[in-house]
Amino acid sequence: MGVLPADDRELPPPDVDGSAATLTALRARFADPRKDKTAPVDAEAWERYCDWKHDRDNAEKVMRGYEAQIREQLGEATLIEVDGRTVGRRVIATAQVKAHERCQDYIKIIKRQEGNGTDDTGS
């Protein structure tokens, strides 16, 4: 992520809506923080941010535990079955990125579309 040209930094920051695009724009707009400067922020926003970050970190730990349990039960299989129904699959994707190979290994949740009998994949 680079620093915006000087003329772009003169524009007002985007509306704060929590989207990835807004966060990217704000990071770029304020990419050169001053170590000698302190800014007051809204106490409730800070507390909620800290609480949600803590909750997210804890949820990720719990999720990793369940993922490990599922992977151990899955073993070498690809498809995940619960009560006779396929509910997920293990996906391994390899891509060449610059000078090395990147391998992704993740569990994909399969959501059954009601009525048409097709699988709609979603994470």
C-alpha atoms as a PDB file:
ATOM      1  CA  MET A   1       0.000   0.000   0.000  1.00  0.00           C
ATOM      2  CA  GLY A   2       1.545   3.259  -1.104  1.00  0.00           C
ATOM      3  CA  VAL A   3       1.243   6.829   0.022  1.00  0.00           C
ATOM      4  CA  LEU A   4      -1.212   8.952  -1.954  1.00  0.00           C
ATOM      5  CA  PRO A   5       0.189  11.843  -4.015  1.00  0.00           C
ATOM      6  CA  ALA A   6       0.071  15.167  -2.169  1.00  0.00           C
ATOM      7  CA  ASP A   7      -2.895  16.466  -4.173  1.00  0.00           C
ATOM      8  CA  ASP A   8      -4.974  13.351  -3.274  1.00  0.00           C
ATOM      9  CA  ARG A   9      -4.246  13.851   0.438  1.00  0.00           C
ATOM     10  CA  GLU A  10      -6.024  17.194   0.274  1.00  0.00           C
ATOM     11  CA  LEU A  11      -9.339  15.460  -0.410  1.00  0.00           C
ATOM     12  CA  PRO A  12     -11.580  14.765   2.587  1.00  0.00           C
ATOM     13  CA  PRO A  13     -11.535  11.201   3.941  1.00  0.00           C
ATOM     14  CA  PRO A  14     -14.355   8.904   2.808  1.00  0.00           C
ATOM     15  CA  ASP A  15     -17.499   8.343   4.837  1.00  0.00           C
ATOM     16  CA  VAL A  16     -16.780   5.886   7.642  1.00  0.00           C
ATOM     17  CA  ASP A  17     -18.898   2.858   6.775  1.00  0.00           C
ATOM     18  CA  GLY A  18     -16.681  -0.063   7.827  1.00  0.00           C
ATOM     19  CA  SER A  19     -16.190  -1.421   4.307  1.00  0.00           C
ATOM     20  CA  ALA A  20     -12.835  -2.820   3.193  1.00  0.00           C
ATOM     21  CA  ALA A  21     -12.599  -0.034   0.601  1.00  0.00           C
ATOM     22  CA  THR A  22     -13.062   2.651   3.264  1.00  0.00           C
ATOM     23  CA  LEU A  23     -10.422   1.107   5.527  1.00  0.00           C
ATOM     24  CA  THR A  24      -7.998   0.884   2.589  1.00  0.00           C
ATOM     25  CA  ALA A  25      -8.650   4.534   1.675  1.00  0.00           C
ATOM     26  CA  LEU A  26      -8.165   5.683   5.277  1.00  0.00           C
ATOM     27  CA  ARG A  27      -4.945   3.677   5.642  1.00  0.00           C
ATOM     28  CA  ALA A  28      -3.624   5.202   2.409  1.00  0.00           C
ATOM     29  CA  ARG A  29      -4.770   8.714   3.303  1.00  0.00           C
ATOM     30  CA  PHE A  30      -3.074   8.607   6.697  1.00  0.00           C
ATOM     31  CA  ALA A  31      -0.110   6.410   5.676  1.00  0.00           C
ATOM     32  CA  ASP A  32       2.511   8.707   7.190  1.00  0.00           C
ATOM     33  CA  PRO A  33       1.653   8.997  10.907  1.00  0.00           C
ATOM     34  CA  ARG A  34       3.584  11.383  13.107  1.00  0.00           C
ATOM     35  CA  LYS A  35       5.080   9.840  16.220  1.00  0.00           C
ATOM     36  CA  ASP A  36       4.910  13.132  18.064  1.00  0.00           C
ATOM     37  CA  LYS A  37       1.148  13.472  17.612  1.00  0.00           C
ATOM     38  CA  THR A  38      -1.659  12.108  19.803  1.00  0.00           C
ATOM     39  CA  ALA A  39      -5.348  12.159  18.891  1.00  0.00           C
ATOM     40  CA  PRO A  40      -8.392  11.668  21.109  1.00  0.00           C
ATOM     41  CA  VAL A  41     -10.882   9.065  19.869  1.00  0.00           C
ATOM     42  CA  ASP A  42     -14.432   8.243  20.886  1.00  0.00           C
ATOM     43  CA  ALA A  43     -14.329   6.151  24.081  1.00  0.00           C
ATOM     44  CA  GLU A  44     -17.303   3.973  23.106  1.00  0.00           C
ATOM     45  CA  ALA A  45     -15.846   3.267  19.646  1.00  0.00           C
ATOM     46  CA  TRP A  46     -12.503   2.302  21.219  1.00  0.00           C
ATOM     47  CA  GLU A  47     -14.119   0.029  23.811  1.00  0.00           C
ATOM     48  CA  ARG A  48     -16.296  -1.678  21.189  1.00  0.00           C
ATOM     49  CA  TYR A  49     -13.299  -2.099  18.877  1.00  0.00           C
ATOM     50  CA  CYS A  50     -11.289  -3.723  21.683  1.00  0.00           C
ATOM     51  CA  ASP A  51     -14.215  -5.967  22.684  1.00  0.00           C
ATOM     52  CA  TRP A  52     -14.909  -7.118  19.095  1.00  0.00           C
ATOM     53  CA  LYS A  53     -11.209  -7.705  18.423  1.00  0.00           C
ATOM     54  CA  HIS A  54     -10.973  -9.806  21.591  1.00  0.00           C
ATOM     55  CA  ASP A  55     -14.159 -11.723  20.682  1.00  0.00           C
ATOM     56  CA  ARG A  56     -12.879 -12.311  17.129  1.00  0.00           C
ATOM     57  CA  ASP A  57      -9.542 -13.604  18.411  1.00  0.00           C
ATOM     58  CA  ASN A  58     -11.285 -15.956  20.849  1.00  0.00           C
ATOM     59  CA  ALA A  59     -13.741 -17.134  18.172  1.00  0.00           C
ATOM     60  CA  GLU A  60     -10.824 -17.887  15.832  1.00  0.00           C
ATOM     61  CA  LYS A  61      -9.160 -20.014  18.540  1.00  0.00           C
ATOM     62  CA  VAL A  62     -12.382 -21.972  19.087  1.00  0.00           C
ATOM     63  CA  MET A  63     -12.891 -22.359  15.322  1.00  0.00           C
ATOM     64  CA  ARG A  64      -9.315 -23.674  14.882  1.00  0.00           C
ATOM     65  CA  GLY A  65     -10.026 -26.269  17.561  1.00  0.00           C
ATOM     66  CA  TYR A  66     -13.139 -27.486  15.733  1.00  0.00           C
ATOM     67  CA  GLU A  67     -11.282 -27.402  12.418  1.00  0.00           C
ATOM     68  CA  ALA A  68      -8.532 -29.589  13.883  1.00  0.00           C
ATOM     69  CA  GLN A  69     -11.142 -32.041  15.180  1.00  0.00           C
ATOM     70  CA  ILE A  70     -12.856 -32.159  11.760  1.00  0.00           C
ATOM     71  CA  ARG A  71      -9.534 -32.557   9.901  1.00  0.00           C
ATOM     72  CA  GLU A  72      -8.545 -35.428  12.204  1.00  0.00           C
ATOM     73  CA  GLN A  73     -11.873 -37.158  11.517  1.00  0.00           C
ATOM     74  CA  LEU A  74     -11.646 -36.361   7.784  1.00  0.00           C
ATOM     75  CA  GLY A  75      -8.223 -37.938   7.430  1.00  0.00           C
ATOM     76  CA  GLU A  76      -7.433 -38.429   3.727  1.00  0.00           C
ATOM     77  CA  ALA A  77     -11.030 -37.901   2.594  1.00  0.00           C
ATOM     78  CA  THR A  78     -12.151 -34.865   0.596  1.00  0.00           C
ATOM     79  CA  LEU A  79     -15.907 -34.768   1.226  1.00  0.00           C
ATOM     80  CA  ILE A  80     -17.387 -34.088   4.658  1.00  0.00           C
ATOM     81  CA  GLU A  81     -20.579 -35.908   5.571  1.00  0.00           C
ATOM     82  CA  VAL A  82     -22.958 -35.298   8.475  1.00  0.00           C
ATOM     83  CA  ASP A  83     -25.990 -37.549   9.003  1.00  0.00           C
ATOM     84  CA  GLY A  84     -25.620 -39.002   5.489  1.00  0.00           C
ATOM     85  CA  ARG A  85     -25.539 -35.595   3.799  1.00  0.00           C
ATOM     86  CA  THR A  86     -22.495 -33.979   2.176  1.00  0.00           C
ATOM     87  CA  VAL A  87     -21.998 -30.668   3.990  1.00  0.00           C
ATOM     88  CA  GLY A  88     -18.469 -29.659   3.074  1.00  0.00           C
ATOM     89  CA  ARG A  89     -15.245 -30.515   1.348  1.00  0.00           C
ATOM     90  CA  ARG A  90     -11.538 -30.052   1.770  1.00  0.00           C
ATOM     91  CA  VAL A  91     -10.021 -27.844  -0.918  1.00  0.00           C
ATOM     92  CA  ILE A  92      -6.333 -27.771  -1.759  1.00  0.00           C
ATOM     93  CA  ALA A  93      -5.282 -25.176  -4.319  1.00  0.00           C
ATOM     94  CA  THR A  94      -1.744 -24.482  -5.475  1.00  0.00           C
ATOM     95  CA  ALA A  95      -0.647 -21.344  -7.302  1.00  0.00           C
ATOM     96  CA  GLN A  96       2.726 -20.151  -8.539  1.00  0.00           C
ATOM     97  CA  VAL A  97       3.405 -16.760  -6.949  1.00  0.00           C
ATOM     98  CA  LYS A  98       6.589 -15.012  -8.071  1.00  0.00           C
ATOM     99  CA  ALA A  99       9.470 -17.309  -7.122  1.00  0.00           C
ATOM    100  CA  HIS A 100       7.557 -19.719  -4.906  1.00  0.00           C
ATOM    101  CA  GLU A 101       4.518 -21.940  -4.833  1.00  0.00           C
ATOM    102  CA  ARG A 102       1.579 -20.970  -2.604  1.00  0.00           C
ATOM    103  CA  CYS A 103      -0.635 -23.752  -1.312  1.00  0.00           C
ATOM    104  CA  GLN A 104      -4.037 -23.135   0.248  1.00  0.00           C
ATOM    105  CA  ASP A 105      -5.685 -25.918   2.207  1.00  0.00           C
ATOM    106  CA  TYR A 106      -9.098 -25.045   3.611  1.00  0.00           C
ATOM    107  CA  ILE A 107     -12.497 -26.484   4.445  1.00  0.00           C
ATOM    108  CA  LYS A 108     -15.362 -25.253   2.251  1.00  0.00           C
ATOM    109  CA  ILE A 109     -18.924 -25.346   3.591  1.00  0.00           C
ATOM    110  CA  ILE A 110     -21.514 -26.569   1.090  1.00  0.00           C
ATOM    111  CA  LYS A 111     -24.960 -25.049   1.534  1.00  0.00           C
ATOM    112  CA  ARG A 112     -27.833 -27.000  -0.031  1.00  0.00           C
ATOM    113  CA  GLN A 113     -30.155 -24.742  -2.036  1.00  0.00           C
ATOM    114  CA  GLU A 114     -33.736 -25.462  -1.135  1.00  0.00           C
ATOM    115  CA  GLY A 115     -35.980 -26.659  -3.945  1.00  0.00           C
ATOM    116  CA  ASN A 116     -33.534 -27.106  -6.804  1.00  0.00           C
ATOM    117  CA  GLY A 117     -31.231 -29.776  -5.330  1.00  0.00           C
ATOM    118  CA  THR A 118     -28.022 -28.003  -6.364  1.00  0.00           C
ATOM    119  CA  ASP A 119     -25.108 -27.210  -4.163  1.00  0.00           C
ATOM    120  CA  ASP A 120     -24.373 -23.572  -3.459  1.00  0.00           C
ATOM    121  CA  THR A 121     -20.869 -23.274  -2.079  1.00  0.00           C
ATOM    122  CA  GLY A 122     -20.163 -20.611   0.483  1.00  0.00           C
ATOM    123  CA  SER A 123     -17.634 -20.114   3.230  1.00  0.00           C
END
